[in-house]
């Protein structure tokens, strides 16, 4: 079992080994014979790769194709949406002002009619 654990440790990728560096695991496996390889399987061995794979540096998108988030002020759709929202808000505000003027005028007329009566 010691030989199997040692071969497994040496053949594992350095960036996937858990808890300690690879060299430390090699020494633990060799120096603490029955406990070392049990510790390797329990705490150091890389976990199984789940569906979807395991990402490692350099295995993703090429730099020029990497998806990047754009800032809102760089996104043309966002800027168009802001302009449209602003026009809609200004139209609503104008409508409210017109409605307020109309109501104020109606109140003045009522007050004038009551004053005449």
Protein backbone atom coordinates (compact mmCIF):
# COMPACT_ATOMS: atom_id res chain seq x y z
CA UNK A 1 0.00 0.00 0.00
CA UNK A 2 2.92 2.31 0.74
CA UNK A 3 4.23 1.95 -2.83
CA UNK A 4 0.77 2.56 -4.33
CA UNK A 5 0.29 5.70 -2.20
CA UNK A 6 3.77 6.96 -3.11
CA UNK A 7 3.20 6.42 -6.85
CA UNK A 8 -0.24 8.04 -6.57
CA UNK A 9 1.27 11.06 -4.79
CA UNK A 10 4.12 11.46 -7.26
CA UNK A 11 1.84 11.17 -10.29
CA UNK A 12 -0.73 13.70 -8.99
CA UNK A 13 -0.71 17.28 -10.24
CA UNK A 14 0.87 19.66 -7.72
CA UNK A 15 -2.02 22.15 -7.94
CA UNK A 16 -4.65 19.48 -7.15
CA UNK A 17 -3.04 17.99 -4.03
CA UNK A 18 -4.84 19.04 -0.87
CA UNK A 19 -3.56 20.50 2.40
CA UNK A 20 0.24 20.20 1.93
CA UNK A 21 2.79 20.48 -0.89
CA UNK A 22 3.63 17.30 -2.81
CA UNK A 23 7.13 16.99 -1.30
CA UNK A 24 5.69 17.08 2.22
CA UNK A 25 3.27 14.28 1.36
CA UNK A 26 6.13 12.18 -0.06
CA UNK A 27 8.07 12.52 3.20
CA UNK A 28 4.98 11.79 5.31
CA UNK A 29 4.22 8.66 3.28
CA UNK A 30 7.82 7.43 3.51
CA UNK A 31 8.62 8.32 7.14
CA UNK A 32 5.34 7.45 8.83
CA UNK A 33 4.67 4.18 7.07
CA UNK A 34 1.26 2.90 8.13
CA UNK A 35 -0.15 6.30 9.07
CA UNK A 36 1.43 8.25 6.21
CA UNK A 37 -0.30 6.54 3.33
CA UNK A 38 -3.63 6.49 5.21
CA UNK A 39 -3.27 10.25 5.76
CA UNK A 40 -2.47 10.67 2.06
CA UNK A 41 -5.71 8.95 1.02
CA UNK A 42 -7.75 10.76 3.68
CA UNK A 43 -6.39 14.30 3.47
CA UNK A 44 -3.98 14.80 0.59
CA UNK A 45 -5.17 12.91 -2.45
CA UNK A 46 -6.92 15.01 -5.09
CA UNK A 47 -10.68 14.68 -5.00
CA UNK A 48 -12.41 13.02 -7.91
CA UNK A 49 -13.25 15.31 -10.81
CA UNK A 50 -16.96 16.04 -10.98
CA UNK A 51 -18.99 16.30 -14.15
CA UNK A 52 -17.89 19.43 -15.91
CA UNK A 53 -14.20 18.80 -15.29
CA UNK A 54 -11.61 20.58 -13.22
CA UNK A 55 -10.26 23.97 -14.14
CA UNK A 56 -6.53 24.49 -14.03
CA UNK A 57 -4.63 27.65 -14.87
CA UNK A 58 -4.01 27.78 -18.58
CA UNK A 59 -6.72 25.30 -19.49
CA UNK A 60 -9.48 27.85 -20.04
CA UNK A 61 -10.18 30.37 -22.75
CA UNK A 62 -7.34 31.93 -24.70
CA UNK A 63 -6.85 35.45 -23.38
CA UNK A 64 -8.33 37.12 -26.47
CA UNK A 65 -11.49 34.96 -26.25
CA UNK A 66 -11.98 35.19 -22.50
CA UNK A 67 -15.43 36.53 -21.65
CA UNK A 68 -15.19 39.91 -19.98
CA UNK A 69 -17.80 41.91 -18.17
CA UNK A 70 -18.27 45.39 -19.56
CA UNK A 71 -18.76 48.38 -17.37
CA UNK A 72 -22.24 49.89 -17.65
CA UNK A 73 -20.91 53.07 -19.24
CA UNK A 74 -19.23 50.97 -21.97
CA UNK A 75 -22.34 48.98 -22.82
CA UNK A 76 -24.28 50.57 -25.71
CA UNK A 77 -27.51 48.76 -24.78
CA UNK A 78 -27.30 50.12 -21.24
CA UNK A 79 -26.69 53.66 -22.52
CA UNK A 80 -29.66 53.41 -24.93
CA UNK A 81 -31.80 52.15 -22.09
CA UNK A 82 -30.77 55.10 -19.90
CA UNK A 83 -31.66 57.57 -22.67
CA UNK A 84 -35.05 55.89 -23.22
CA UNK A 85 -35.77 55.83 -19.48
CA UNK A 86 -34.87 59.49 -19.19
CA UNK A 87 -37.21 60.43 -22.07
CA UNK A 88 -39.99 58.37 -20.50
CA UNK A 89 -39.42 60.06 -17.12
CA UNK A 90 -39.45 63.53 -18.69
CA UNK A 91 -42.68 62.73 -20.55
CA UNK A 92 -44.30 61.49 -17.33
CA UNK A 93 -43.10 64.57 -15.45
CA UNK A 94 -44.54 66.86 -18.16
CA UNK A 95 -47.84 64.99 -17.98
CA UNK A 96 -47.94 65.39 -14.18
CA UNK A 97 -47.18 69.11 -14.46
CA UNK A 98 -49.96 69.57 -17.01
CA UNK A 99 -52.38 67.65 -14.78
CA UNK A 100 -51.36 69.78 -11.78
CA UNK A 101 -51.90 73.04 -13.76
CA UNK A 102 -55.30 71.79 -14.90
CA UNK A 103 -56.36 70.93 -11.33
CA UNK A 104 -55.11 74.28 -10.00
CA UNK A 105 -57.09 76.06 -12.72
CA UNK A 106 -60.23 74.09 -11.83
CA UNK A 107 -59.83 75.02 -8.16
CA UNK A 108 -59.45 78.72 -9.06
CA UNK A 109 -62.61 78.58 -11.17
CA UNK A 110 -64.55 76.95 -8.32
CA UNK A 111 -63.31 79.57 -5.88
CA UNK A 112 -64.31 82.36 -8.31
CA UNK A 113 -67.77 80.81 -8.82
CA UNK A 114 -68.31 80.52 -5.06
CA UNK A 115 -67.18 84.10 -4.61
CA UNK A 116 -69.72 85.29 -7.22
CA UNK A 117 -72.58 83.37 -5.68
